[in-house]
Amino acid sequence: MRIAVMAAGGVGGYFGARLAQAGHDVAFVARGRHLAAIRERGLVVKSAAGDIHVASAVASDDPKSLGGFDVVLFAVKLWDTETAAAAMRPLLAGGGVVIPFQNGVESIERIGAVIGAPQVMGGAAYIAATIAEPGVIAHTGQMARLRFGPVLRVQEAAAQSFHKACIGAGIDAEVVADIRRVLWEKFVFLAALSGVTSATRQPIGVIRSDPDLRACFEAAMREAWTVGRARGVALADDLVAQQMLFASGLPVEMKSSMLNDLVAGNRLEAPWLSGAVARMAKEAATVAPVNATLYAAVKPFCDGAR
C-alpha cells in the first residue's frame, strides 16, 4: 500500500515507521533539521514496544515531488490544518483518501472545505510520542492505537484496506462505525489534559495526585462532555468516569503534546482544544468556565516564543 505521512512528527513518524517496517511504500513529509536528519540517517523510533530504524526513509518537504498515494495520514498541528491540506492535494491526485489523526473535533470539516469532503475520513490516534531530536521519535509508555472510519459510504473499502495494512504491521487498529463519537470521546479527555497540564506545567502524575488539580481536570472534562451532548453526540453517561479511570493508568511522567510545545516555545493548539470547548459552549447556550480559564492561562503563548 502506498501511504504518505504528513507530517513525520510524533504521531505520523511512529505509525509511518511501523508501516514502513512492514514493507509498505511509505513517504514522509517533513522539514528543516528533522527532514535533513531523516535523509541523512533515516527515521528512528525509540519505543518500549520495539525500536525501529527506517534506514532508507523517503522524505521530502515538497508533496508534489512524491506522487500519488492510497492513504495520507494527516497529523499536522491544528494551527497548520488549512495550509497543509492545500499542500496535500498532489498526494491525493490518484483518488486516495486522507485520514486526519489530529487533536480536536473539527478536522473533517476543515480539511474537507479545502480538498472536498469525499476524500476525508475520520481518525483518532492514542499515543504519547514526540520528536526527541531531529530524525528521532520517542514513544512514551505502551499506548499506541489507531481508530478510524468512513464518513461516507464510498470510503468504506479504503478504510478496510488501511485497517488490513495496520494489522499486518502489528498496529493496534480498529475501524469504527461512528467516528464522530470516537473523536468526541477523545476530545473530552484531551482538551482537559492539554489545558490542565499546560496551565500548570505538570505531567499527569501530579495532576491526578493533587485533589484540587484532579477536580479541575474532571470538571474540564465534564464541560466538554456537556457540550458534546448538546451538539447531539451520543456520549455515554459515564464517559467522564471512564476517562478518569483511564488517566489513573497512564505513566506518571506523561505530558500532553501541548505542554511539550509550550516548553519548546512552539505554537499551541489551545484555540481548538480548551478554547474550542469554551467557544462551542457559547454556541450551545451553555457555559464552560474551567475550559475558558485554562485557555486564558495559555493564550499569551499560543503564537509561540516571541
C-alpha atoms as a PDB file:
ATOM      1  CA  MET A   1       0.000   0.000   0.000  1.00  0.00           C
ATOM      2  CA  ARG A   2       1.259   3.497  -0.824  1.00  0.00           C
ATOM      3  CA  ILE A   3       0.997   5.646   2.296  1.00  0.00           C
ATOM      4  CA  ALA A   4       2.058   9.260   2.769  1.00  0.00           C
ATOM      5  CA  VAL A   5       2.650  10.709   6.212  1.00  0.00           C
ATOM      6  CA  MET A   6       2.029  14.412   6.638  1.00  0.00           C
ATOM      7  CA  ALA A   7       3.914  15.106   8.731  1.00  0.00           C
ATOM      8  CA  ALA A   8       6.603  13.000  10.411  1.00  0.00           C
ATOM      9  CA  GLY A   9       6.105  14.221  13.975  1.00  0.00           C
ATOM     10  CA  GLY A  10       5.330  12.043  16.987  1.00  0.00           C
ATOM     11  CA  VAL A  11       2.103  10.518  15.655  1.00  0.00           C
ATOM     12  CA  GLY A  12       2.917  10.363  11.949  1.00  0.00           C
ATOM     13  CA  GLY A  13       6.529   9.367  12.498  1.00  0.00           C
ATOM     14  CA  TYR A  14       5.686   6.475  14.829  1.00  0.00           C
ATOM     15  CA  PHE A  15       2.875   4.881  12.831  1.00  0.00           C
ATOM     16  CA  GLY A  16       4.512   5.632   9.491  1.00  0.00           C
ATOM     17  CA  ALA A  17       7.676   3.879  10.638  1.00  0.00           C
ATOM     18  CA  ARG A  18       5.698   0.818  11.755  1.00  0.00           C
ATOM     19  CA  LEU A  19       4.010   0.631   8.342  1.00  0.00           C
ATOM     20  CA  ALA A  20       7.311   1.098   6.519  1.00  0.00           C
ATOM     21  CA  GLN A  21       8.903  -1.641   8.629  1.00  0.00           C
ATOM     22  CA  ALA A  22       6.104  -3.972   7.483  1.00  0.00           C
ATOM     23  CA  GLY A  23       7.024  -3.384   3.844  1.00  0.00           C
ATOM     24  CA  HIS A  24       4.539  -0.727   2.771  1.00  0.00           C
ATOM     25  CA  ASP A  25       5.600   2.076   0.425  1.00  0.00           C
ATOM     26  CA  VAL A  26       5.693   4.959   2.901  1.00  0.00           C
ATOM     27  CA  ALA A  27       6.826   8.536   2.239  1.00  0.00           C
ATOM     28  CA  PHE A  28       7.228  11.186   4.927  1.00  0.00           C
ATOM     29  CA  VAL A  29       6.626  14.909   4.603  1.00  0.00           C
ATOM     30  CA  ALA A  30       8.970  16.763   6.931  1.00  0.00           C
ATOM     31  CA  ARG A  31      11.002  19.950   7.013  1.00  0.00           C
ATOM     32  CA  GLY A  32      14.047  21.671   8.441  1.00  0.00           C
ATOM     33  CA  ARG A  33      16.533  19.809  10.617  1.00  0.00           C
ATOM     34  CA  HIS A  34      14.138  16.885  11.051  1.00  0.00           C
ATOM     35  CA  LEU A  35      13.993  16.357   7.291  1.00  0.00           C
ATOM     36  CA  ALA A  36      17.763  16.696   6.948  1.00  0.00           C
ATOM     37  CA  ALA A  37      18.346  14.060   9.647  1.00  0.00           C
ATOM     38  CA  ILE A  38      15.857  11.625   8.091  1.00  0.00           C
ATOM     39  CA  ARG A  39      17.549  11.975   4.717  1.00  0.00           C
ATOM     40  CA  GLU A  40      20.999  11.505   6.205  1.00  0.00           C
ATOM     41  CA  ARG A  41      20.425   8.773   8.782  1.00  0.00           C
ATOM     42  CA  GLY A  42      16.887   7.504   8.258  1.00  0.00           C
ATOM     43  CA  LEU A  43      13.955   7.731  10.679  1.00  0.00           C
ATOM     44  CA  VAL A  44      14.461   6.246  14.153  1.00  0.00           C
ATOM     45  CA  VAL A  45      11.733   5.345  16.642  1.00  0.00           C
ATOM     46  CA  LYS A  46      12.634   4.677  20.286  1.00  0.00           C
ATOM     47  CA  SER A  47       9.855   2.671  21.899  1.00  0.00           C
ATOM     48  CA  ALA A  48       9.262   0.119  24.630  1.00  0.00           C
ATOM     49  CA  ALA A  49       7.233  -1.738  22.019  1.00  0.00           C
ATOM     50  CA  GLY A  50      10.396  -2.149  19.948  1.00  0.00           C
ATOM     51  CA  ASP A  51      12.791   0.297  18.326  1.00  0.00           C
ATOM     52  CA  ILE A  52      12.614   0.930  14.580  1.00  0.00           C
ATOM     53  CA  HIS A  53      15.118   2.266  12.100  1.00  0.00           C
ATOM     54  CA  VAL A  54      13.764   3.084   8.638  1.00  0.00           C
ATOM     55  CA  ALA A  55      17.215   3.411   7.132  1.00  0.00           C
ATOM     56  CA  SER A  56      16.185   4.493   3.632  1.00  0.00           C
ATOM     57  CA  ALA A  57      13.123   6.544   4.510  1.00  0.00           C
ATOM     58  CA  VAL A  58      11.665   8.533   1.625  1.00  0.00           C
ATOM     59  CA  ALA A  59      11.188  12.098   2.858  1.00  0.00           C
ATOM     60  CA  SER A  60      10.588  15.497   1.312  1.00  0.00           C
ATOM     61  CA  ASP A  61       9.317  18.976   2.172  1.00  0.00           C
ATOM     62  CA  ASP A  62       7.579  19.153  -1.228  1.00  0.00           C
ATOM     63  CA  PRO A  63       4.489  16.917  -1.509  1.00  0.00           C
ATOM     64  CA  LYS A  64       4.406  17.485  -5.279  1.00  0.00           C
ATOM     65  CA  SER A  65       7.659  15.529  -5.606  1.00  0.00           C
ATOM     66  CA  LEU A  66       6.255  12.364  -4.009  1.00  0.00           C
ATOM     67  CA  GLY A  67       3.432  11.364  -6.364  1.00  0.00           C
ATOM     68  CA  GLY A  68       0.017   9.941  -5.509  1.00  0.00           C
ATOM     69  CA  PHE A  69      -0.920   7.675  -2.583  1.00  0.00           C
ATOM     70  CA  ASP A  70      -3.724   5.389  -1.473  1.00  0.00           C
ATOM     71  CA  VAL A  71      -3.873   6.911   2.014  1.00  0.00           C
ATOM     72  CA  VAL A  72      -2.460  10.057   3.576  1.00  0.00           C
ATOM     73  CA  LEU A  73      -2.004  10.050   7.357  1.00  0.00           C
ATOM     74  CA  PHE A  74      -2.610  13.698   8.188  1.00  0.00           C
ATOM     75  CA  ALA A  75      -1.043  14.549  11.538  1.00  0.00           C
ATOM     76  CA  VAL A  76      -0.006  18.196  11.379  1.00  0.00           C
ATOM     77  CA  LYS A  77      -0.645  20.623  14.223  1.00  0.00           C
ATOM     78  CA  LEU A  78      -4.145  22.093  14.278  1.00  0.00           C
ATOM     79  CA  TRP A  79      -2.967  25.617  13.567  1.00  0.00           C
ATOM     80  CA  ASP A  80      -1.488  24.433  10.246  1.00  0.00           C
ATOM     81  CA  THR A  81      -4.521  22.474   9.030  1.00  0.00           C
ATOM     82  CA  GLU A  82      -5.749  24.542   6.088  1.00  0.00           C
ATOM     83  CA  THR A  83      -2.270  25.358   4.763  1.00  0.00           C
ATOM     84  CA  ALA A  84      -1.151  21.724   4.963  1.00  0.00           C
ATOM     85  CA  ALA A  85      -4.421  20.479   3.430  1.00  0.00           C
ATOM     86  CA  ALA A  86      -3.874  22.694   0.386  1.00  0.00           C
ATOM     87  CA  ALA A  87      -0.276  21.477   0.034  1.00  0.00           C
ATOM     88  CA  MET A  88      -1.503  17.870   0.309  1.00  0.00           C
ATOM     89  CA  ARG A  89      -3.587  17.912  -2.880  1.00  0.00           C
ATOM     90  CA  PRO A  90      -0.883  16.325  -5.100  1.00  0.00           C
ATOM     91  CA  LEU A  91      -0.685  13.345  -2.723  1.00  0.00           C
ATOM     92  CA  LEU A  92      -4.344  12.574  -3.448  1.00  0.00           C
ATOM     93  CA  ALA A  93      -4.218  13.108  -7.209  1.00  0.00           C
ATOM     94  CA  GLY A  94      -4.888   9.422  -7.873  1.00  0.00           C
ATOM     95  CA  GLY A  95      -8.085   9.420  -5.825  1.00  0.00           C
ATOM     96  CA  GLY A  96      -6.698   8.407  -2.454  1.00  0.00           C
ATOM     97  CA  VAL A  97      -8.168   9.312   0.913  1.00  0.00           C
ATOM     98  CA  VAL A  98      -6.842  11.298   3.843  1.00  0.00           C
ATOM     99  CA  ILE A  99      -7.276  10.221   7.447  1.00  0.00           C
ATOM    100  CA  PRO A 100      -6.730  13.074   9.913  1.00  0.00           C
ATOM    101  CA  PHE A 101      -5.084  11.872  13.111  1.00  0.00           C
ATOM    102  CA  GLN A 102      -5.175  15.275  14.760  1.00  0.00           C
ATOM    103  CA  ASN A 103      -6.427  16.545  18.077  1.00  0.00           C
ATOM    104  CA  GLY A 104      -9.759  18.353  18.258  1.00  0.00           C
ATOM    105  CA  VAL A 105     -13.093  17.531  16.633  1.00  0.00           C
ATOM    106  CA  GLU A 106     -13.213  19.838  13.628  1.00  0.00           C
ATOM    107  CA  SER A 107     -10.599  18.350  11.264  1.00  0.00           C
ATOM    108  CA  ILE A 108     -13.021  16.514   8.970  1.00  0.00           C
ATOM    109  CA  GLU A 109     -14.853  19.736   8.122  1.00  0.00           C
ATOM    110  CA  ARG A 110     -11.748  21.926   8.000  1.00  0.00           C
ATOM    111  CA  ILE A 111      -9.866  19.627   5.615  1.00  0.00           C
ATOM    112  CA  GLY A 112     -12.973  18.827   3.587  1.00  0.00           C
ATOM    113  CA  ALA A 113     -13.510  22.521   2.931  1.00  0.00           C
ATOM    114  CA  VAL A 114     -10.100  22.606   1.239  1.00  0.00           C
ATOM    115  CA  ILE A 115      -9.890  19.315  -0.705  1.00  0.00           C
ATOM    116  CA  GLY A 116     -13.502  18.120  -0.830  1.00  0.00           C
ATOM    117  CA  ALA A 117     -15.499  16.013   1.620  1.00  0.00           C
ATOM    118  CA  PRO A 118     -15.447  12.676  -0.320  1.00  0.00           C
ATOM    119  CA  GLN A 119     -11.693  12.258   0.279  1.00  0.00           C
ATOM    120  CA  VAL A 120     -11.736  12.892   4.039  1.00  0.00           C
ATOM    121  CA  MET A 121     -12.307  10.111   6.557  1.00  0.00           C
ATOM    122  CA  GLY A 122     -12.043  10.469  10.336  1.00  0.00           C
ATOM    123  CA  GLY A 123      -9.406   9.178  12.701  1.00  0.00           C
ATOM    124  CA  ALA A 124      -8.133   9.271  16.266  1.00  0.00           C
ATOM    125  CA  ALA A 125      -4.638   8.359  17.465  1.00  0.00           C
ATOM    126  CA  TYR A 126      -3.850   7.333  21.041  1.00  0.00           C
ATOM    127  CA  ILE A 127      -0.145   7.654  21.702  1.00  0.00           C
ATOM    128  CA  ALA A 128       2.377   9.729  23.634  1.00  0.00           C
ATOM    129  CA  ALA A 129       5.168  10.393  21.160  1.00  0.00           C
ATOM    130  CA  THR A 130       7.272  13.372  20.187  1.00  0.00           C
ATOM    131  CA  ILE A 131      10.338  14.364  18.193  1.00  0.00           C
ATOM    132  CA  ALA A 132      13.133  13.802  20.725  1.00  0.00           C
ATOM    133  CA  GLU A 133      15.757  15.173  18.346  1.00  0.00           C
ATOM    134  CA  PRO A 134      15.934  15.582  14.567  1.00  0.00           C
ATOM    135  CA  GLY A 135      15.273  12.234  12.954  1.00  0.00           C
ATOM    136  CA  VAL A 136      14.286  10.517  16.222  1.00  0.00           C
ATOM    137  CA  ILE A 137      10.767   9.827  17.545  1.00  0.00           C
ATOM    138  CA  ALA A 138      10.420   8.972  21.250  1.00  0.00           C
ATOM    139  CA  HIS A 139       7.390   6.898  22.271  1.00  0.00           C
ATOM    140  CA  THR A 140       6.416   7.079  25.969  1.00  0.00           C
ATOM    141  CA  GLY A 141       4.545   4.189  27.583  1.00  0.00           C
ATOM    142  CA  GLN A 142       2.834   1.263  25.838  1.00  0.00           C
ATOM    143  CA  MET A 143      -0.224   3.001  24.381  1.00  0.00           C
ATOM    144  CA  ALA A 144      -0.155   3.148  20.555  1.00  0.00           C
ATOM    145  CA  ARG A 145      -3.559   2.771  18.952  1.00  0.00           C
ATOM    146  CA  LEU A 146      -5.426   3.999  15.866  1.00  0.00           C
ATOM    147  CA  ARG A 147      -9.194   4.194  15.459  1.00  0.00           C
ATOM    148  CA  PHE A 148     -10.644   5.416  12.185  1.00  0.00           C
ATOM    149  CA  GLY A 149     -13.690   5.095   9.998  1.00  0.00           C
ATOM    150  CA  PRO A 150     -15.528   6.296   6.927  1.00  0.00           C
ATOM    151  CA  VAL A 151     -17.677   9.392   6.959  1.00  0.00           C
ATOM    152  CA  LEU A 152     -19.265   8.471   3.613  1.00  0.00           C
ATOM    153  CA  ARG A 153     -20.123   5.005   2.279  1.00  0.00           C
ATOM    154  CA  VAL A 154     -17.764   5.454  -0.677  1.00  0.00           C
ATOM    155  CA  GLN A 155     -14.844   5.425   1.802  1.00  0.00           C
ATOM    156  CA  GLU A 156     -15.595   2.008   3.331  1.00  0.00           C
ATOM    157  CA  ALA A 157     -13.286  -0.005   1.069  1.00  0.00           C
ATOM    158  CA  ALA A 158     -10.361   2.343   1.736  1.00  0.00           C
ATOM    159  CA  ALA A 159     -10.963   2.073   5.478  1.00  0.00           C
ATOM    160  CA  GLN A 160     -10.854  -1.720   5.343  1.00  0.00           C
ATOM    161  CA  SER A 161      -7.717  -1.743   3.180  1.00  0.00           C
ATOM    162  CA  PHE A 162      -5.860   0.562   5.545  1.00  0.00           C
ATOM    163  CA  HIS A 163      -7.027  -1.486   8.523  1.00  0.00           C
ATOM    164  CA  LYS A 164      -5.564  -4.610   6.925  1.00  0.00           C
ATOM    165  CA  ALA A 165      -2.252  -2.781   6.421  1.00  0.00           C
ATOM    166  CA  CYS A 166      -2.186  -1.682  10.059  1.00  0.00           C
ATOM    167  CA  ILE A 167      -2.923  -5.135  11.425  1.00  0.00           C
ATOM    168  CA  GLY A 168      -0.202  -6.587   9.222  1.00  0.00           C
ATOM    169  CA  ALA A 169       2.216  -4.020  10.673  1.00  0.00           C
ATOM    170  CA  GLY A 170       1.369  -5.010  14.240  1.00  0.00           C
ATOM    171  CA  ILE A 171      -0.534  -1.793  14.917  1.00  0.00           C
ATOM    172  CA  ASP A 172      -3.484  -1.858  17.309  1.00  0.00           C
ATOM    173  CA  ALA A 173      -6.105  -0.526  14.895  1.00  0.00           C
ATOM    174  CA  GLU A 174      -9.892  -0.516  14.682  1.00  0.00           C
ATOM    175  CA  VAL A 175     -12.422   0.553  12.070  1.00  0.00           C
ATOM    176  CA  VAL A 176     -15.359   2.194  13.857  1.00  0.00           C
ATOM    177  CA  ALA A 177     -18.876   2.853  12.616  1.00  0.00           C
ATOM    178  CA  ASP A 178     -19.381   6.213  14.351  1.00  0.00           C
ATOM    179  CA  ILE A 179     -16.074   8.033  14.040  1.00  0.00           C
ATOM    180  CA  ARG A 180     -17.511  11.378  15.155  1.00  0.00           C
ATOM    181  CA  ARG A 181     -18.491   9.904  18.516  1.00  0.00           C
ATOM    182  CA  VAL A 182     -14.998   8.446  18.861  1.00  0.00           C
ATOM    183  CA  LEU A 183     -13.458  11.841  18.110  1.00  0.00           C
ATOM    184  CA  TRP A 184     -15.552  13.453  20.830  1.00  0.00           C
ATOM    185  CA  GLU A 185     -14.676  10.738  23.342  1.00  0.00           C
ATOM    186  CA  LYS A 186     -11.012  11.515  22.801  1.00  0.00           C
ATOM    187  CA  PHE A 187     -11.644  15.268  22.734  1.00  0.00           C
ATOM    188  CA  VAL A 188     -13.349  15.249  26.134  1.00  0.00           C
ATOM    189  CA  PHE A 189     -10.183  13.778  27.630  1.00  0.00           C
ATOM    190  CA  LEU A 190      -7.535  15.522  25.557  1.00  0.00           C
ATOM    191  CA  ALA A 191      -8.879  19.053  25.785  1.00  0.00           C
ATOM    192  CA  ALA A 192      -8.840  18.757  29.577  1.00  0.00           C
ATOM    193  CA  LEU A 193      -5.437  17.058  29.710  1.00  0.00           C
ATOM    194  CA  SER A 194      -3.839  19.640  27.413  1.00  0.00           C
ATOM    195  CA  GLY A 195      -5.383  22.546  29.285  1.00  0.00           C
ATOM    196  CA  VAL A 196      -4.529  21.429  32.817  1.00  0.00           C
ATOM    197  CA  THR A 197      -1.022  20.111  32.127  1.00  0.00           C
ATOM    198  CA  SER A 198      -0.110  23.214  30.122  1.00  0.00           C
ATOM    199  CA  ALA A 199      -1.555  25.714  32.595  1.00  0.00           C
ATOM    200  CA  THR A 200       0.306  24.041  35.480  1.00  0.00           C
ATOM    201  CA  ARG A 201       3.407  22.878  33.517  1.00  0.00           C
ATOM    202  CA  GLN A 202       2.999  19.485  35.204  1.00  0.00           C
ATOM    203  CA  PRO A 203       2.600  15.868  33.973  1.00  0.00           C
ATOM    204  CA  ILE A 204      -0.449  13.708  34.559  1.00  0.00           C
ATOM    205  CA  GLY A 205       1.031  12.126  37.705  1.00  0.00           C
ATOM    206  CA  VAL A 206       0.991  15.474  39.501  1.00  0.00           C
ATOM    207  CA  ILE A 207      -2.479  16.344  38.180  1.00  0.00           C
ATOM    208  CA  ARG A 208      -4.179  13.171  39.357  1.00  0.00           C
ATOM    209  CA  SER A 209      -2.446  13.058  42.769  1.00  0.00           C
ATOM    210  CA  ASP A 210      -3.410  16.584  43.812  1.00  0.00           C
ATOM    211  CA  PRO A 211      -7.091  16.830  44.896  1.00  0.00           C
ATOM    212  CA  ASP A 212      -7.583  20.357  43.546  1.00  0.00           C
ATOM    213  CA  LEU A 213      -5.939  19.679  40.192  1.00  0.00           C
ATOM    214  CA  ARG A 214      -7.760  16.355  39.882  1.00  0.00           C
ATOM    215  CA  ALA A 215     -11.072  18.144  40.449  1.00  0.00           C
ATOM    216  CA  CYS A 216     -10.133  20.781  37.853  1.00  0.00           C
ATOM    217  CA  PHE A 217      -9.269  18.075  35.334  1.00  0.00           C
ATOM    218  CA  GLU A 218     -12.560  16.262  35.920  1.00  0.00           C
ATOM    219  CA  ALA A 219     -14.579  19.488  35.713  1.00  0.00           C
ATOM    220  CA  ALA A 220     -12.937  20.399  32.406  1.00  0.00           C
ATOM    221  CA  MET A 221     -13.913  17.001  31.005  1.00  0.00           C
ATOM    222  CA  ARG A 222     -17.446  17.386  32.295  1.00  0.00           C
ATOM    223  CA  GLU A 223     -17.809  20.700  30.460  1.00  0.00           C
ATOM    224  CA  ALA A 224     -16.615  19.172  27.164  1.00  0.00           C
ATOM    225  CA  TRP A 225     -18.954  16.200  27.671  1.00  0.00           C
ATOM    226  CA  THR A 226     -21.870  18.611  28.196  1.00  0.00           C
ATOM    227  CA  VAL A 227     -21.022  20.492  25.007  1.00  0.00           C
ATOM    228  CA  GLY A 228     -20.801  17.268  23.012  1.00  0.00           C
ATOM    229  CA  ARG A 229     -24.165  16.076  24.257  1.00  0.00           C
ATOM    230  CA  ALA A 230     -25.647  19.491  23.439  1.00  0.00           C
ATOM    231  CA  ARG A 231     -24.361  19.082  19.870  1.00  0.00           C
ATOM    232  CA  GLY A 232     -26.118  15.723  19.515  1.00  0.00           C
ATOM    233  CA  VAL A 233     -23.131  13.422  20.025  1.00  0.00           C
ATOM    234  CA  ALA A 234     -24.096  10.123  21.693  1.00  0.00           C
ATOM    235  CA  LEU A 235     -21.555  10.262  24.514  1.00  0.00           C
ATOM    236  CA  ALA A 236     -22.028   7.712  27.288  1.00  0.00           C
ATOM    237  CA  ASP A 237     -23.419   8.860  30.629  1.00  0.00           C
ATOM    238  CA  ASP A 238     -20.340   7.516  32.428  1.00  0.00           C
ATOM    239  CA  LEU A 239     -17.732   8.727  29.913  1.00  0.00           C
ATOM    240  CA  VAL A 240     -16.057  11.146  32.327  1.00  0.00           C
ATOM    241  CA  ALA A 241     -15.775   8.434  34.987  1.00  0.00           C
ATOM    242  CA  GLN A 242     -14.291   6.081  32.382  1.00  0.00           C
ATOM    243  CA  GLN A 243     -11.733   8.704  31.352  1.00  0.00           C
ATOM    244  CA  MET A 244     -10.746   9.395  34.951  1.00  0.00           C
ATOM    245  CA  LEU A 245     -10.105   5.662  35.372  1.00  0.00           C
ATOM    246  CA  PHE A 246      -8.083   5.670  32.150  1.00  0.00           C
ATOM    247  CA  ALA A 247      -5.998   8.606  33.412  1.00  0.00           C
ATOM    248  CA  SER A 248      -5.136   6.679  36.564  1.00  0.00           C
ATOM    249  CA  GLY A 249      -3.285   4.091  34.485  1.00  0.00           C
ATOM    250  CA  LEU A 250      -1.127   6.471  32.450  1.00  0.00           C
ATOM    251  CA  PRO A 251       2.623   6.810  33.122  1.00  0.00           C
ATOM    252  CA  VAL A 252       3.188   9.413  35.838  1.00  0.00           C
ATOM    253  CA  GLU A 253       5.607  11.316  33.597  1.00  0.00           C
ATOM    254  CA  MET A 254       3.212  11.604  30.651  1.00  0.00           C
ATOM    255  CA  LYS A 255       2.723  15.148  29.381  1.00  0.00           C
ATOM    256  CA  SER A 256       0.350  16.453  26.755  1.00  0.00           C
ATOM    257  CA  SER A 257       1.837  17.340  23.393  1.00  0.00           C
ATOM    258  CA  MET A 258       0.673  20.892  24.009  1.00  0.00           C
ATOM    259  CA  LEU A 259       2.793  21.121  27.164  1.00  0.00           C
ATOM    260  CA  ASN A 260       5.781  19.875  25.160  1.00  0.00           C
ATOM    261  CA  ASP A 261       5.106  22.594  22.592  1.00  0.00           C
ATOM    262  CA  LEU A 262       4.754  25.207  25.305  1.00  0.00           C
ATOM    263  CA  VAL A 263       8.090  24.296  26.888  1.00  0.00           C
ATOM    264  CA  ALA A 264       9.757  24.301  23.458  1.00  0.00           C
ATOM    265  CA  GLY A 265       8.374  27.740  22.604  1.00  0.00           C
ATOM    266  CA  ASN A 266       6.251  26.402  19.740  1.00  0.00           C
ATOM    267  CA  ARG A 267       2.765  27.455  18.718  1.00  0.00           C
ATOM    268  CA  LEU A 268      -0.089  25.906  20.695  1.00  0.00           C
ATOM    269  CA  GLU A 269      -3.284  24.101  19.707  1.00  0.00           C
ATOM    270  CA  ALA A 270      -5.234  25.633  22.588  1.00  0.00           C
ATOM    271  CA  PRO A 271      -7.714  27.565  20.373  1.00  0.00           C
ATOM    272  CA  TRP A 272      -9.001  24.224  19.027  1.00  0.00           C
ATOM    273  CA  LEU A 273      -8.931  22.401  22.396  1.00  0.00           C
ATOM    274  CA  SER A 274      -9.941  24.149  25.644  1.00  0.00           C
ATOM    275  CA  GLY A 275     -10.600  27.268  23.568  1.00  0.00           C
ATOM    276  CA  ALA A 276     -12.938  25.286  21.313  1.00  0.00           C
ATOM    277  CA  VAL A 277     -14.847  23.910  24.306  1.00  0.00           C
ATOM    278  CA  ALA A 278     -15.422  27.462  25.542  1.00  0.00           C
ATOM    279  CA  ARG A 279     -16.405  28.642  22.041  1.00  0.00           C
ATOM    280  CA  MET A 280     -18.806  25.756  21.387  1.00  0.00           C
ATOM    281  CA  ALA A 281     -20.323  26.123  24.859  1.00  0.00           C
ATOM    282  CA  LYS A 282     -21.361  29.666  23.963  1.00  0.00           C
ATOM    283  CA  GLU A 283     -22.818  28.436  20.673  1.00  0.00           C
ATOM    284  CA  ALA A 284     -24.809  25.817  22.601  1.00  0.00           C
ATOM    285  CA  ALA A 285     -26.064  28.408  25.105  1.00  0.00           C
ATOM    286  CA  THR A 286     -24.214  26.724  27.965  1.00  0.00           C
ATOM    287  CA  VAL A 287     -21.064  27.619  29.897  1.00  0.00           C
ATOM    288  CA  ALA A 288     -17.543  26.199  30.250  1.00  0.00           C
ATOM    289  CA  PRO A 289     -15.761  28.397  32.805  1.00  0.00           C
ATOM    290  CA  VAL A 290     -12.988  25.908  33.583  1.00  0.00           C
ATOM    291  CA  ASN A 291     -12.007  25.495  29.933  1.00  0.00           C
ATOM    292  CA  ALA A 292     -12.320  29.227  29.354  1.00  0.00           C
ATOM    293  CA  THR A 293      -9.919  29.846  32.247  1.00  0.00           C
ATOM    294  CA  LEU A 294      -7.453  27.173  31.084  1.00  0.00           C
ATOM    295  CA  TYR A 295      -7.477  28.714  27.615  1.00  0.00           C
ATOM    296  CA  ALA A 296      -6.939  32.193  29.016  1.00  0.00           C
ATOM    297  CA  ALA A 297      -3.964  30.937  31.059  1.00  0.00           C
ATOM    298  CA  VAL A 298      -2.056  29.779  27.961  1.00  0.00           C
ATOM    299  CA  LYS A 299      -3.421  32.267  25.426  1.00  0.00           C
ATOM    300  CA  PRO A 300      -0.357  34.581  25.664  1.00  0.00           C
ATOM    301  CA  PHE A 301       1.782  31.656  24.471  1.00  0.00           C
ATOM    302  CA  CYS A 302      -0.402  30.461  21.589  1.00  0.00           C
ATOM    303  CA  ASP A 303       1.765  32.076  18.908  1.00  0.00           C
ATOM    304  CA  GLY A 304       4.949  30.551  20.341  1.00  0.00           C
ATOM    305  CA  ALA A 305       8.076  32.229  21.593  1.00  0.00           C
ATOM    306  CA  ARG A 306       8.253  35.904  20.748  1.00  0.00           C
END
